[in-house]
């Protein structure tokens, strides 16, 4: 098949692209940059912004499946930027699918769309969206996810949404580098009592899930119009996992802690200061980040196992070995 991958030059998107190429599919990438290393693999690279409606529609020409991976994933920033990229960009992708008669769309969402700042323990896809959010990223991703699911069945489009949680692994340019940077600077604190359990997803497993979901998107399939949590299927104690990684890399473990309420209050103060003074850099703490670091959030992935055969191929232990080896070689 011929696939379009938005954000194909990014962390998860690149793994999706490489897996498609490896099995013989034809791949087109849409991104803000050119990716010569992907072009050398035979990938067609289109340089355009998701906010450019005509460019996105053109990119969907003669495409059998769109993997819409691109997004603005930060925890801080301007609402207009998050809305333009995550919502309007998704509207442009849907317009491209409609005008070019693309039959399949797999959207990359996030479990944060149902995060209400409390513990989420083994919840499934019946969990409703919360009434309010304190971070632009999950709010705009939730809006976009609903648009995707509502588009299922229109003009022959079959659509599904995947919610991989805390994607990590070699070539990560977002999550792990930030953790290591703060750990080396002695700026990491255990938030809460350190016992919270969270789901994580090794990047190749997340990419596998995208291909499996797309392959099962057929008329009459239970995948069409559904959302799916994706993870390792075995939550980890967050701070134990972080400290295990730090120890393997010779970085001092995180031993200092701060109560959740104190971290949340600090987040309120820092968000206020950054808003009043129009500071663009990310605050050291936000309300959303405090809750993410202190609360449990892990999910039931049985629907993905049942509907399209998802099973984490690479274990957390093996993934950690690969990540440590990659970082050591940098």
C-alpha atoms as a PDB file:
ATOM      1  CA  UNK A   1       0.000   0.000   0.000  1.00  0.00           C
ATOM      2  CA  UNK A   2       1.000   3.646  -0.251  1.00  0.00           C
ATOM      3  CA  UNK A   3       1.135   5.412   3.104  1.00  0.00           C
ATOM      4  CA  UNK A   4       1.383   9.046   4.145  1.00  0.00           C
ATOM      5  CA  UNK A   5       2.989   9.658   7.537  1.00  0.00           C
ATOM      6  CA  UNK A   6       2.623  13.148   8.977  1.00  0.00           C
ATOM      7  CA  UNK A   7       5.480  13.865  11.348  1.00  0.00           C
ATOM      8  CA  UNK A   8       7.407  11.009   9.738  1.00  0.00           C
ATOM      9  CA  UNK A   9      10.700  12.652  10.601  1.00  0.00           C
ATOM     10  CA  UNK A  10       9.894  12.743  14.312  1.00  0.00           C
ATOM     11  CA  UNK A  11      10.530  10.166  17.012  1.00  0.00           C
ATOM     12  CA  UNK A  12       7.562   7.801  16.704  1.00  0.00           C
ATOM     13  CA  UNK A  13       6.812   8.757  13.116  1.00  0.00           C
ATOM     14  CA  UNK A  14      10.243   7.685  11.932  1.00  0.00           C
ATOM     15  CA  UNK A  15       9.799   4.205  13.389  1.00  0.00           C
ATOM     16  CA  UNK A  16       6.419   3.927  11.649  1.00  0.00           C
ATOM     17  CA  UNK A  17       8.062   4.951   8.366  1.00  0.00           C
ATOM     18  CA  UNK A  18      10.934   2.493   8.729  1.00  0.00           C
ATOM     19  CA  UNK A  19       8.605  -0.409   9.511  1.00  0.00           C
ATOM     20  CA  UNK A  20       6.452   0.399   6.489  1.00  0.00           C
ATOM     21  CA  UNK A  21       9.511   0.541   4.225  1.00  0.00           C
ATOM     22  CA  UNK A  22      10.902  -2.676   5.687  1.00  0.00           C
ATOM     23  CA  UNK A  23       7.805  -4.613   4.709  1.00  0.00           C
ATOM     24  CA  UNK A  24       7.713  -3.161   1.200  1.00  0.00           C
ATOM     25  CA  UNK A  25       5.135  -0.396   1.420  1.00  0.00           C
ATOM     26  CA  UNK A  26       5.534   2.874  -0.465  1.00  0.00           C
ATOM     27  CA  UNK A  27       5.863   5.818   1.943  1.00  0.00           C
ATOM     28  CA  UNK A  28       5.407   9.571   1.686  1.00  0.00           C
ATOM     29  CA  UNK A  29       6.353  11.823   4.607  1.00  0.00           C
ATOM     30  CA  UNK A  30       4.904  15.235   5.346  1.00  0.00           C
ATOM     31  CA  UNK A  31       6.953  17.447   7.661  1.00  0.00           C
ATOM     32  CA  UNK A  32       8.363  20.902   8.156  1.00  0.00           C
ATOM     33  CA  UNK A  33      11.853  19.707   7.184  1.00  0.00           C
ATOM     34  CA  UNK A  34      13.473  17.532   4.555  1.00  0.00           C
ATOM     35  CA  UNK A  35      14.757  14.159   5.706  1.00  0.00           C
ATOM     36  CA  UNK A  36      17.591  12.992   3.405  1.00  0.00           C
ATOM     37  CA  UNK A  37      18.180   9.867   5.509  1.00  0.00           C
ATOM     38  CA  UNK A  38      14.595   8.788   4.840  1.00  0.00           C
ATOM     39  CA  UNK A  39      14.826   9.739   1.169  1.00  0.00           C
ATOM     40  CA  UNK A  40      17.808   7.390   0.882  1.00  0.00           C
ATOM     41  CA  UNK A  41      15.411   4.619   1.948  1.00  0.00           C
ATOM     42  CA  UNK A  42      13.156   5.477  -0.986  1.00  0.00           C
ATOM     43  CA  UNK A  43      10.742   7.611   1.022  1.00  0.00           C
ATOM     44  CA  UNK A  44       9.097  10.568  -0.694  1.00  0.00           C
ATOM     45  CA  UNK A  45       9.589  13.656   1.469  1.00  0.00           C
ATOM     46  CA  UNK A  46       7.216  16.613   1.220  1.00  0.00           C
ATOM     47  CA  UNK A  47       8.133  19.770   3.106  1.00  0.00           C
ATOM     48  CA  UNK A  48       5.037  21.579   4.378  1.00  0.00           C
ATOM     49  CA  UNK A  49       3.311  22.709   7.540  1.00  0.00           C
ATOM     50  CA  UNK A  50       0.201  20.925   8.822  1.00  0.00           C
ATOM     51  CA  UNK A  51      -1.484  24.328   8.936  1.00  0.00           C
ATOM     52  CA  UNK A  52      -1.138  24.635   5.153  1.00  0.00           C
ATOM     53  CA  UNK A  53      -4.473  23.147   4.085  1.00  0.00           C
ATOM     54  CA  UNK A  54      -3.778  22.971   0.359  1.00  0.00           C
ATOM     55  CA  UNK A  55      -0.387  21.320   0.914  1.00  0.00           C
ATOM     56  CA  UNK A  56      -1.878  18.696   3.227  1.00  0.00           C
ATOM     57  CA  UNK A  57      -4.689  17.924   0.786  1.00  0.00           C
ATOM     58  CA  UNK A  58      -2.168  17.566  -2.036  1.00  0.00           C
ATOM     59  CA  UNK A  59      -0.051  15.229   0.100  1.00  0.00           C
ATOM     60  CA  UNK A  60      -3.018  12.855   0.378  1.00  0.00           C
ATOM     61  CA  UNK A  61      -3.166  12.208  -3.382  1.00  0.00           C
ATOM     62  CA  UNK A  62      -3.078   8.494  -4.308  1.00  0.00           C
ATOM     63  CA  UNK A  63      -2.691   7.446  -0.659  1.00  0.00           C
ATOM     64  CA  UNK A  64      -4.161   4.234   0.773  1.00  0.00           C
ATOM     65  CA  UNK A  65      -3.618   5.017   4.455  1.00  0.00           C
ATOM     66  CA  UNK A  66      -2.681   8.118   6.441  1.00  0.00           C
ATOM     67  CA  UNK A  67      -0.826   7.830   9.725  1.00  0.00           C
ATOM     68  CA  UNK A  68      -1.398  11.208  11.364  1.00  0.00           C
ATOM     69  CA  UNK A  69       1.420  11.241  13.925  1.00  0.00           C
ATOM     70  CA  UNK A  70       2.464  14.907  13.850  1.00  0.00           C
ATOM     71  CA  UNK A  71       1.483  17.125  16.793  1.00  0.00           C
ATOM     72  CA  UNK A  72       2.652  19.820  19.156  1.00  0.00           C
ATOM     73  CA  UNK A  73       3.288  17.764  22.342  1.00  0.00           C
ATOM     74  CA  UNK A  74       4.619  20.340  24.814  1.00  0.00           C
ATOM     75  CA  UNK A  75       3.144  20.972  28.272  1.00  0.00           C
ATOM     76  CA  UNK A  76       3.452  24.742  27.940  1.00  0.00           C
ATOM     77  CA  UNK A  77       2.830  27.260  25.203  1.00  0.00           C
ATOM     78  CA  UNK A  78       0.236  29.443  23.530  1.00  0.00           C
ATOM     79  CA  UNK A  79      -3.267  28.137  22.972  1.00  0.00           C
ATOM     80  CA  UNK A  80      -3.326  29.400  19.392  1.00  0.00           C
ATOM     81  CA  UNK A  81      -0.260  27.318  18.523  1.00  0.00           C
ATOM     82  CA  UNK A  82      -1.657  24.116  20.043  1.00  0.00           C
ATOM     83  CA  UNK A  83      -5.043  24.663  18.423  1.00  0.00           C
ATOM     84  CA  UNK A  84      -3.611  25.508  15.015  1.00  0.00           C
ATOM     85  CA  UNK A  85      -1.353  22.451  14.851  1.00  0.00           C
ATOM     86  CA  UNK A  86      -3.269  19.811  16.791  1.00  0.00           C
ATOM     87  CA  UNK A  87      -6.828  20.733  15.819  1.00  0.00           C
ATOM     88  CA  UNK A  88      -6.692  22.721  12.579  1.00  0.00           C
ATOM     89  CA  UNK A  89      -3.886  20.476  11.342  1.00  0.00           C
ATOM     90  CA  UNK A  90      -6.072  17.437  11.957  1.00  0.00           C
ATOM     91  CA  UNK A  91      -8.982  19.133  10.187  1.00  0.00           C
ATOM     92  CA  UNK A  92      -6.676  19.609   7.200  1.00  0.00           C
ATOM     93  CA  UNK A  93      -5.721  15.924   7.260  1.00  0.00           C
ATOM     94  CA  UNK A  94      -9.398  14.967   7.359  1.00  0.00           C
ATOM     95  CA  UNK A  95     -10.088  17.315   4.461  1.00  0.00           C
ATOM     96  CA  UNK A  96      -7.280  15.678   2.520  1.00  0.00           C
ATOM     97  CA  UNK A  97      -8.694  12.224   3.219  1.00  0.00           C
ATOM     98  CA  UNK A  98     -12.153  13.351   2.095  1.00  0.00           C
ATOM     99  CA  UNK A  99     -11.085  15.128  -1.091  1.00  0.00           C
ATOM    100  CA  UNK A 100      -8.588  12.468  -2.151  1.00  0.00           C
ATOM    101  CA  UNK A 101     -10.821   9.546  -1.117  1.00  0.00           C
ATOM    102  CA  UNK A 102      -8.261   8.058   1.250  1.00  0.00           C
ATOM    103  CA  UNK A 103      -9.774   4.832   2.654  1.00  0.00           C
ATOM    104  CA  UNK A 104      -7.891   4.591   5.979  1.00  0.00           C
ATOM    105  CA  UNK A 105      -6.685   6.933   8.731  1.00  0.00           C
ATOM    106  CA  UNK A 106      -4.820   6.031  11.930  1.00  0.00           C
ATOM    107  CA  UNK A 107      -4.548   8.945  14.330  1.00  0.00           C
ATOM    108  CA  UNK A 108      -1.925   9.151  17.087  1.00  0.00           C
ATOM    109  CA  UNK A 109      -3.608  10.416  20.246  1.00  0.00           C
ATOM    110  CA  UNK A 110      -2.579  10.222  23.916  1.00  0.00           C
ATOM    111  CA  UNK A 111      -4.069   8.809  27.139  1.00  0.00           C
ATOM    112  CA  UNK A 112      -3.798  12.347  28.508  1.00  0.00           C
ATOM    113  CA  UNK A 113      -7.088  13.097  26.750  1.00  0.00           C
ATOM    114  CA  UNK A 114      -8.848  11.348  29.667  1.00  0.00           C
ATOM    115  CA  UNK A 115      -6.485  12.466  32.452  1.00  0.00           C
ATOM    116  CA  UNK A 116      -8.431  14.372  35.117  1.00  0.00           C
ATOM    117  CA  UNK A 117      -5.491  14.930  37.520  1.00  0.00           C
ATOM    118  CA  UNK A 118      -6.464  11.907  39.610  1.00  0.00           C
ATOM    119  CA  UNK A 119      -5.264   8.302  39.644  1.00  0.00           C
ATOM    120  CA  UNK A 120      -6.194   6.250  36.569  1.00  0.00           C
ATOM    121  CA  UNK A 121      -5.761   2.574  37.458  1.00  0.00           C
ATOM    122  CA  UNK A 122      -6.311   0.019  34.698  1.00  0.00           C
ATOM    123  CA  UNK A 123      -9.046   2.099  33.061  1.00  0.00           C
ATOM    124  CA  UNK A 124     -10.335   1.150  29.626  1.00  0.00           C
ATOM    125  CA  UNK A 125     -11.582   3.096  26.628  1.00  0.00           C
ATOM    126  CA  UNK A 126     -14.988   3.698  28.206  1.00  0.00           C
ATOM    127  CA  UNK A 127     -13.361   6.352  30.398  1.00  0.00           C
ATOM    128  CA  UNK A 128     -15.007   9.688  29.432  1.00  0.00           C
ATOM    129  CA  UNK A 129     -13.172  12.869  28.578  1.00  0.00           C
ATOM    130  CA  UNK A 130     -12.892  15.165  31.633  1.00  0.00           C
ATOM    131  CA  UNK A 131     -14.923  18.352  31.786  1.00  0.00           C
ATOM    132  CA  UNK A 132     -11.823  20.546  31.953  1.00  0.00           C
ATOM    133  CA  UNK A 133      -8.074  20.471  31.329  1.00  0.00           C
ATOM    134  CA  UNK A 134      -5.197  22.460  32.802  1.00  0.00           C
ATOM    135  CA  UNK A 135      -2.883  21.914  29.830  1.00  0.00           C
ATOM    136  CA  UNK A 136      -3.432  22.862  26.191  1.00  0.00           C
ATOM    137  CA  UNK A 137      -1.878  19.687  24.784  1.00  0.00           C
ATOM    138  CA  UNK A 138      -4.395  17.089  26.057  1.00  0.00           C
ATOM    139  CA  UNK A 139      -7.311  19.451  25.463  1.00  0.00           C
ATOM    140  CA  UNK A 140      -6.465  19.991  21.804  1.00  0.00           C
ATOM    141  CA  UNK A 141      -5.622  16.320  21.294  1.00  0.00           C
ATOM    142  CA  UNK A 142      -9.035  15.390  22.713  1.00  0.00           C
ATOM    143  CA  UNK A 143     -10.768  17.785  20.312  1.00  0.00           C
ATOM    144  CA  UNK A 144      -8.821  16.332  17.396  1.00  0.00           C
ATOM    145  CA  UNK A 145      -9.481  12.741  18.458  1.00  0.00           C
ATOM    146  CA  UNK A 146     -13.212  13.365  18.520  1.00  0.00           C
ATOM    147  CA  UNK A 147     -13.035  14.877  15.028  1.00  0.00           C
ATOM    148  CA  UNK A 148     -11.255  11.768  13.755  1.00  0.00           C
ATOM    149  CA  UNK A 149     -13.739   9.348  15.286  1.00  0.00           C
ATOM    150  CA  UNK A 150     -16.685  11.419  14.022  1.00  0.00           C
ATOM    151  CA  UNK A 151     -15.192  11.270  10.508  1.00  0.00           C
ATOM    152  CA  UNK A 152     -15.225   7.480  10.479  1.00  0.00           C
ATOM    153  CA  UNK A 153     -17.650   6.283   7.826  1.00  0.00           C
ATOM    154  CA  UNK A 154     -17.788   9.561   5.914  1.00  0.00           C
ATOM    155  CA  UNK A 155     -16.972   9.323   2.222  1.00  0.00           C
ATOM    156  CA  UNK A 156     -15.670   5.814   2.703  1.00  0.00           C
ATOM    157  CA  UNK A 157     -13.075   6.709   5.339  1.00  0.00           C
ATOM    158  CA  UNK A 158     -12.290   4.173   8.060  1.00  0.00           C
ATOM    159  CA  UNK A 159     -10.577   5.815  11.037  1.00  0.00           C
ATOM    160  CA  UNK A 160      -9.156   4.728  14.372  1.00  0.00           C
ATOM    161  CA  UNK A 161      -7.274   6.487  17.171  1.00  0.00           C
ATOM    162  CA  UNK A 162      -4.356   5.048  19.150  1.00  0.00           C
ATOM    163  CA  UNK A 163      -3.319   6.322  22.573  1.00  0.00           C
ATOM    164  CA  UNK A 164       0.268   5.188  23.218  1.00  0.00           C
ATOM    165  CA  UNK A 165       1.430   6.225  26.680  1.00  0.00           C
ATOM    166  CA  UNK A 166       4.851   7.755  27.427  1.00  0.00           C
ATOM    167  CA  UNK A 167       6.637   6.548  24.302  1.00  0.00           C
ATOM    168  CA  UNK A 168      10.371   6.022  24.900  1.00  0.00           C
ATOM    169  CA  UNK A 169      13.393   4.371  23.340  1.00  0.00           C
ATOM    170  CA  UNK A 170      16.442   5.104  21.181  1.00  0.00           C
ATOM    171  CA  UNK A 171      16.370   8.400  19.247  1.00  0.00           C
ATOM    172  CA  UNK A 172      13.863   9.934  21.667  1.00  0.00           C
ATOM    173  CA  UNK A 173      14.192  13.705  21.283  1.00  0.00           C
ATOM    174  CA  UNK A 174      11.655  14.740  23.909  1.00  0.00           C
ATOM    175  CA  UNK A 175      10.914  12.670  27.019  1.00  0.00           C
ATOM    176  CA  UNK A 176      14.136  10.863  27.990  1.00  0.00           C
ATOM    177  CA  UNK A 177      16.540  13.718  27.102  1.00  0.00           C
ATOM    178  CA  UNK A 178      14.566  16.080  29.333  1.00  0.00           C
ATOM    179  CA  UNK A 179      14.668  13.619  32.243  1.00  0.00           C
ATOM    180  CA  UNK A 180      18.424  13.107  31.860  1.00  0.00           C
ATOM    181  CA  UNK A 181      19.114  16.826  31.546  1.00  0.00           C
ATOM    182  CA  UNK A 182      17.267  17.623  34.753  1.00  0.00           C
ATOM    183  CA  UNK A 183      18.776  14.662  36.580  1.00  0.00           C
ATOM    184  CA  UNK A 184      22.304  15.716  35.671  1.00  0.00           C
ATOM    185  CA  UNK A 185      21.518  19.251  36.849  1.00  0.00           C
ATOM    186  CA  UNK A 186      20.115  17.883  40.131  1.00  0.00           C
ATOM    187  CA  UNK A 187      16.748  19.422  39.283  1.00  0.00           C
ATOM    188  CA  UNK A 188      14.642  16.274  39.570  1.00  0.00           C
ATOM    189  CA  UNK A 189      12.456  15.642  42.607  1.00  0.00           C
ATOM    190  CA  UNK A 190      10.205  12.716  43.393  1.00  0.00           C
ATOM    191  CA  UNK A 191       6.719  14.212  43.409  1.00  0.00           C
ATOM    192  CA  UNK A 192       4.454  12.568  45.971  1.00  0.00           C
ATOM    193  CA  UNK A 193       5.392   9.395  47.827  1.00  0.00           C
ATOM    194  CA  UNK A 194       7.101   7.794  44.814  1.00  0.00           C
ATOM    195  CA  UNK A 195       4.805   4.756  44.652  1.00  0.00           C
ATOM    196  CA  UNK A 196       2.741   5.784  41.622  1.00  0.00           C
ATOM    197  CA  UNK A 197       2.542   3.264  38.798  1.00  0.00           C
ATOM    198  CA  UNK A 198       2.439   4.353  35.165  1.00  0.00           C
ATOM    199  CA  UNK A 199       2.232   2.775  31.743  1.00  0.00           C
ATOM    200  CA  UNK A 200       5.109   3.267  29.331  1.00  0.00           C
ATOM    201  CA  UNK A 201       5.419   2.218  25.681  1.00  0.00           C
ATOM    202  CA  UNK A 202       8.610   1.188  23.941  1.00  0.00           C
ATOM    203  CA  UNK A 203       8.690   3.042  20.638  1.00  0.00           C
ATOM    204  CA  UNK A 204       8.861   0.006  18.346  1.00  0.00           C
ATOM    205  CA  UNK A 205       5.829  -1.497  20.061  1.00  0.00           C
ATOM    206  CA  UNK A 206       3.943   1.758  19.512  1.00  0.00           C
ATOM    207  CA  UNK A 207       4.922   1.713  15.834  1.00  0.00           C
ATOM    208  CA  UNK A 208       3.850  -1.925  15.504  1.00  0.00           C
ATOM    209  CA  UNK A 209       0.440  -1.001  16.898  1.00  0.00           C
ATOM    210  CA  UNK A 210      -0.015   1.631  14.195  1.00  0.00           C
ATOM    211  CA  UNK A 211       0.668  -0.824  11.384  1.00  0.00           C
ATOM    212  CA  UNK A 212      -1.505  -3.514  12.955  1.00  0.00           C
ATOM    213  CA  UNK A 213      -4.424  -1.126  13.417  1.00  0.00           C
ATOM    214  CA  UNK A 214      -4.144   0.060   9.814  1.00  0.00           C
ATOM    215  CA  UNK A 215      -4.041  -3.496   8.496  1.00  0.00           C
ATOM    216  CA  UNK A 216      -7.236  -4.340  10.393  1.00  0.00           C
ATOM    217  CA  UNK A 217      -9.121  -1.236   9.258  1.00  0.00           C
ATOM    218  CA  UNK A 218     -11.596  -2.904   6.928  1.00  0.00           C
ATOM    219  CA  UNK A 219     -15.314  -2.725   6.330  1.00  0.00           C
ATOM    220  CA  UNK A 220     -17.080  -4.467   9.200  1.00  0.00           C
ATOM    221  CA  UNK A 221     -13.943  -4.481  11.325  1.00  0.00           C
ATOM    222  CA  UNK A 222     -14.336  -3.602  15.024  1.00  0.00           C
ATOM    223  CA  UNK A 223     -11.317  -1.281  14.674  1.00  0.00           C
ATOM    224  CA  UNK A 224     -13.165   1.315  12.613  1.00  0.00           C
ATOM    225  CA  UNK A 225     -14.347   4.254  14.700  1.00  0.00           C
ATOM    226  CA  UNK A 226     -12.607   3.075  17.875  1.00  0.00           C
ATOM    227  CA  UNK A 227      -9.938   4.393  20.241  1.00  0.00           C
ATOM    228  CA  UNK A 228      -7.254   2.203  21.795  1.00  0.00           C
ATOM    229  CA  UNK A 229      -4.855   2.485  24.709  1.00  0.00           C
ATOM    230  CA  UNK A 230      -1.366   1.220  23.824  1.00  0.00           C
ATOM    231  CA  UNK A 231       1.396   0.380  26.307  1.00  0.00           C
ATOM    232  CA  UNK A 232       3.771  -2.335  27.479  1.00  0.00           C
ATOM    233  CA  UNK A 233       0.844  -3.948  29.264  1.00  0.00           C
ATOM    234  CA  UNK A 234       2.775  -3.939  32.527  1.00  0.00           C
ATOM    235  CA  UNK A 235       2.916  -0.638  34.443  1.00  0.00           C
ATOM    236  CA  UNK A 236       6.133   0.350  36.182  1.00  0.00           C
ATOM    237  CA  UNK A 237       6.688   2.280  39.386  1.00  0.00           C
ATOM    238  CA  UNK A 238       7.630   5.565  37.733  1.00  0.00           C
ATOM    239  CA  UNK A 239      10.426   6.656  40.019  1.00  0.00           C
ATOM    240  CA  UNK A 240      11.931   3.170  40.236  1.00  0.00           C
ATOM    241  CA  UNK A 241      12.082   3.068  36.431  1.00  0.00           C
ATOM    242  CA  UNK A 242      13.668   6.521  36.242  1.00  0.00           C
ATOM    243  CA  UNK A 243      16.241   5.655  38.884  1.00  0.00           C
ATOM    244  CA  UNK A 244      17.039   2.373  37.180  1.00  0.00           C
ATOM    245  CA  UNK A 245      17.806   4.255  33.972  1.00  0.00           C
ATOM    246  CA  UNK A 246      19.893   6.854  35.807  1.00  0.00           C
ATOM    247  CA  UNK A 247      21.861   4.184  37.651  1.00  0.00           C
ATOM    248  CA  UNK A 248      22.641   2.354  34.416  1.00  0.00           C
ATOM    249  CA  UNK A 249      24.005   5.613  32.970  1.00  0.00           C
ATOM    250  CA  UNK A 250      26.067   6.512  36.020  1.00  0.00           C
ATOM    251  CA  UNK A 251      23.852   9.454  36.958  1.00  0.00           C
ATOM    252  CA  UNK A 252      22.931   9.961  40.644  1.00  0.00           C
ATOM    253  CA  UNK A 253      19.508   8.645  41.553  1.00  0.00           C
ATOM    254  CA  UNK A 254      16.652  10.968  42.466  1.00  0.00           C
ATOM    255  CA  UNK A 255      16.401  10.960  46.256  1.00  0.00           C
ATOM    256  CA  UNK A 256      14.881  14.325  47.109  1.00  0.00           C
ATOM    257  CA  UNK A 257      11.102  14.588  47.168  1.00  0.00           C
ATOM    258  CA  UNK A 258       8.342  17.161  47.294  1.00  0.00           C
ATOM    259  CA  UNK A 259       4.709  16.582  48.344  1.00  0.00           C
ATOM    260  CA  UNK A 260       2.201  16.571  45.510  1.00  0.00           C
ATOM    261  CA  UNK A 261       0.240  19.505  46.927  1.00  0.00           C
ATOM    262  CA  UNK A 262       3.406  21.575  47.215  1.00  0.00           C
ATOM    263  CA  UNK A 263       4.404  20.735  43.616  1.00  0.00           C
ATOM    264  CA  UNK A 264       0.924  21.602  42.386  1.00  0.00           C
ATOM    265  CA  UNK A 265       0.982  24.929  44.245  1.00  0.00           C
ATOM    266  CA  UNK A 266       4.406  25.655  42.796  1.00  0.00           C
ATOM    267  CA  UNK A 267       2.972  24.917  39.366  1.00  0.00           C
ATOM    268  CA  UNK A 268       0.198  27.453  39.910  1.00  0.00           C
ATOM    269  CA  UNK A 269       2.731  30.117  40.883  1.00  0.00           C
ATOM    270  CA  UNK A 270       5.079  29.420  37.981  1.00  0.00           C
ATOM    271  CA  UNK A 271       2.250  29.274  35.442  1.00  0.00           C
ATOM    272  CA  UNK A 272       1.006  32.639  36.710  1.00  0.00           C
ATOM    273  CA  UNK A 273       4.461  34.218  36.497  1.00  0.00           C
ATOM    274  CA  UNK A 274       5.098  32.851  33.008  1.00  0.00           C
ATOM    275  CA  UNK A 275       1.704  34.100  31.834  1.00  0.00           C
ATOM    276  CA  UNK A 276       2.030  37.572  33.367  1.00  0.00           C
ATOM    277  CA  UNK A 277       5.507  38.137  31.925  1.00  0.00           C
ATOM    278  CA  UNK A 278       4.827  36.298  28.638  1.00  0.00           C
ATOM    279  CA  UNK A 279       7.732  33.933  29.205  1.00  0.00           C
ATOM    280  CA  UNK A 280       8.047  31.438  26.359  1.00  0.00           C
ATOM    281  CA  UNK A 281      10.245  28.899  28.109  1.00  0.00           C
ATOM    282  CA  UNK A 282       8.587  25.977  29.838  1.00  0.00           C
ATOM    283  CA  UNK A 283       8.060  26.388  33.605  1.00  0.00           C
ATOM    284  CA  UNK A 284      10.036  24.014  35.799  1.00  0.00           C
ATOM    285  CA  UNK A 285       6.702  22.815  37.189  1.00  0.00           C
ATOM    286  CA  UNK A 286       3.069  23.028  36.098  1.00  0.00           C
ATOM    287  CA  UNK A 287      -0.147  21.635  37.542  1.00  0.00           C
ATOM    288  CA  UNK A 288      -0.325  19.080  34.744  1.00  0.00           C
ATOM    289  CA  UNK A 289       3.279  17.965  35.231  1.00  0.00           C
ATOM    290  CA  UNK A 290       2.869  17.676  39.007  1.00  0.00           C
ATOM    291  CA  UNK A 291      -0.096  15.346  38.556  1.00  0.00           C
ATOM    292  CA  UNK A 292       1.673  13.315  35.873  1.00  0.00           C
ATOM    293  CA  UNK A 293       4.664  12.774  38.165  1.00  0.00           C
ATOM    294  CA  UNK A 294       2.679  11.981  41.303  1.00  0.00           C
ATOM    295  CA  UNK A 295      -0.414  10.091  40.185  1.00  0.00           C
ATOM    296  CA  UNK A 296      -0.840   6.572  38.845  1.00  0.00           C
ATOM    297  CA  UNK A 297      -1.959   6.299  35.236  1.00  0.00           C
ATOM    298  CA  UNK A 298      -2.058   2.910  33.589  1.00  0.00           C
ATOM    299  CA  UNK A 299      -4.544   1.374  31.213  1.00  0.00           C
ATOM    300  CA  UNK A 300      -6.273  -1.790  30.072  1.00  0.00           C
ATOM    301  CA  UNK A 301      -4.987  -2.704  26.594  1.00  0.00           C
ATOM    302  CA  UNK A 302      -7.186  -5.771  26.137  1.00  0.00           C
ATOM    303  CA  UNK A 303      -9.261  -4.070  23.402  1.00  0.00           C
ATOM    304  CA  UNK A 304      -6.148  -3.582  21.233  1.00  0.00           C
ATOM    305  CA  UNK A 305      -5.103  -7.185  21.890  1.00  0.00           C
ATOM    306  CA  UNK A 306      -8.549  -8.451  20.887  1.00  0.00           C
ATOM    307  CA  UNK A 307      -9.359  -6.216  17.911  1.00  0.00           C
ATOM    308  CA  UNK A 308      -6.059  -6.132  16.020  1.00  0.00           C
ATOM    309  CA  UNK A 309      -3.724  -8.547  17.783  1.00  0.00           C
ATOM    310  CA  UNK A 310      -1.530  -6.009  19.515  1.00  0.00           C
ATOM    311  CA  UNK A 311       1.070  -7.531  21.801  1.00  0.00           C
ATOM    312  CA  UNK A 312       4.206  -5.727  23.024  1.00  0.00           C
ATOM    313  CA  UNK A 313       6.932  -7.531  21.091  1.00  0.00           C
ATOM    314  CA  UNK A 314       9.819  -5.903  22.951  1.00  0.00           C
ATOM    315  CA  UNK A 315       9.771  -6.179  26.742  1.00  0.00           C
ATOM    316  CA  UNK A 316      10.466  -3.267  29.046  1.00  0.00           C
ATOM    317  CA  UNK A 317      13.732  -4.900  30.154  1.00  0.00           C
ATOM    318  CA  UNK A 318      14.941  -5.397  26.587  1.00  0.00           C
ATOM    319  CA  UNK A 319      13.839  -1.901  25.629  1.00  0.00           C
ATOM    320  CA  UNK A 320      15.807  -0.455  28.534  1.00  0.00           C
ATOM    321  CA  UNK A 321      18.912  -2.333  27.388  1.00  0.00           C
ATOM    322  CA  UNK A 322      18.537  -0.922  23.893  1.00  0.00           C
ATOM    323  CA  UNK A 323      18.005   2.597  25.202  1.00  0.00           C
ATOM    324  CA  UNK A 324      21.032   2.481  27.505  1.00  0.00           C
ATOM    325  CA  UNK A 325      23.237   1.120  24.694  1.00  0.00           C
ATOM    326  CA  UNK A 326      22.036   3.880  22.373  1.00  0.00           C
ATOM    327  CA  UNK A 327      22.699   6.665  24.884  1.00  0.00           C
ATOM    328  CA  UNK A 328      26.149   5.316  25.708  1.00  0.00           C
ATOM    329  CA  UNK A 329      27.065   5.398  22.019  1.00  0.00           C
ATOM    330  CA  UNK A 330      26.137   9.070  21.668  1.00  0.00           C
END
